[in-house]
Amino acid sequence: MSPQVFPENLAGAQNDLDNNSQRIWGDRAKNLELAITVYENVQVYTR
């Protein structure tokens, strides 16, 4: 007997995935911005 799948459970799981990946990409974007800022500052000081 296969487990019953309810659409609302699937939607919930998809939501969790979406929220998770948005959070992860948000963190990556912040880290990238920080890295760029540091890089730009280093360029200024080493000119």
C-alpha atoms as a PDB file:
ATOM      1  CA  MET A   1       0.000   0.000   0.000  1.00  0.00           C
ATOM      2  CA  SER A   2       1.592   3.268  -1.106  1.00  0.00           C
ATOM      3  CA  PRO A   3       1.427   6.283   1.220  1.00  0.00           C
ATOM      4  CA  GLN A   4      -1.236   8.804   0.387  1.00  0.00           C
ATOM      5  CA  VAL A   5       0.028  12.162  -0.844  1.00  0.00           C
ATOM      6  CA  PHE A   6      -2.016  15.232  -0.032  1.00  0.00           C
ATOM      7  CA  PRO A   7      -1.617  18.273  -2.293  1.00  0.00           C
ATOM      8  CA  GLU A   8      -1.409  20.647   0.688  1.00  0.00           C
ATOM      9  CA  ASN A   9       1.571  18.660   2.050  1.00  0.00           C
ATOM     10  CA  LEU A  10       3.321  18.983  -1.300  1.00  0.00           C
ATOM     11  CA  ALA A  11       2.619  22.712  -1.395  1.00  0.00           C
ATOM     12  CA  GLY A  12       4.008  23.073   2.122  1.00  0.00           C
ATOM     13  CA  ALA A  13       7.161  21.169   1.212  1.00  0.00           C
ATOM     14  CA  GLN A  14       7.618  23.278  -1.930  1.00  0.00           C
ATOM     15  CA  ASN A  15       7.171  26.408   0.170  1.00  0.00           C
ATOM     16  CA  ASP A  16       9.854  25.294   2.613  1.00  0.00           C
ATOM     17  CA  LEU A  17      12.198  24.604  -0.298  1.00  0.00           C
ATOM     18  CA  ASP A  18      11.524  28.016  -1.848  1.00  0.00           C
ATOM     19  CA  ASN A  19      12.021  29.845   1.449  1.00  0.00           C
ATOM     20  CA  ASN A  20      15.192  27.908   2.097  1.00  0.00           C
ATOM     21  CA  SER A  21      16.742  28.611  -1.285  1.00  0.00           C
ATOM     22  CA  GLN A  22      15.765  32.290  -1.084  1.00  0.00           C
ATOM     23  CA  ARG A  23      17.461  32.530   2.307  1.00  0.00           C
ATOM     24  CA  ILE A  24      20.578  30.745   1.037  1.00  0.00           C
ATOM     25  CA  TRP A  25      20.804  32.936  -2.077  1.00  0.00           C
ATOM     26  CA  GLY A  26      20.171  36.016   0.047  1.00  0.00           C
ATOM     27  CA  ASP A  27      23.105  35.067   2.293  1.00  0.00           C
ATOM     28  CA  ARG A  28      25.303  34.441  -0.736  1.00  0.00           C
ATOM     29  CA  ALA A  29      24.377  37.805  -2.219  1.00  0.00           C
ATOM     30  CA  LYS A  30      25.234  39.539   1.066  1.00  0.00           C
ATOM     31  CA  ASN A  31      28.581  37.742   1.236  1.00  0.00           C
ATOM     32  CA  LEU A  32      29.315  38.704  -2.351  1.00  0.00           C
ATOM     33  CA  GLU A  33      28.468  42.352  -1.682  1.00  0.00           C
ATOM     34  CA  LEU A  34      30.741  42.284   1.348  1.00  0.00           C
ATOM     35  CA  ALA A  35      33.568  40.713  -0.645  1.00  0.00           C
ATOM     36  CA  ILE A  36      33.203  43.348  -3.388  1.00  0.00           C
ATOM     37  CA  THR A  37      33.222  46.164  -0.825  1.00  0.00           C
ATOM     38  CA  VAL A  38      36.374  44.811   0.821  1.00  0.00           C
ATOM     39  CA  TYR A  39      38.005  44.392  -2.593  1.00  0.00           C
ATOM     40  CA  GLU A  40      37.130  47.967  -3.597  1.00  0.00           C
ATOM     41  CA  ASN A  41      38.495  49.314  -0.307  1.00  0.00           C
ATOM     42  CA  VAL A  42      41.734  47.401  -0.801  1.00  0.00           C
ATOM     43  CA  GLN A  43      42.035  48.904  -4.299  1.00  0.00           C
ATOM     44  CA  VAL A  44      41.611  52.404  -2.870  1.00  0.00           C
ATOM     45  CA  TYR A  45      44.237  51.927  -0.171  1.00  0.00           C
ATOM     46  CA  THR A  46      46.819  50.277  -2.399  1.00  0.00           C
ATOM     47  CA  ARG A  47      46.730  52.889  -5.193  1.00  0.00           C
END
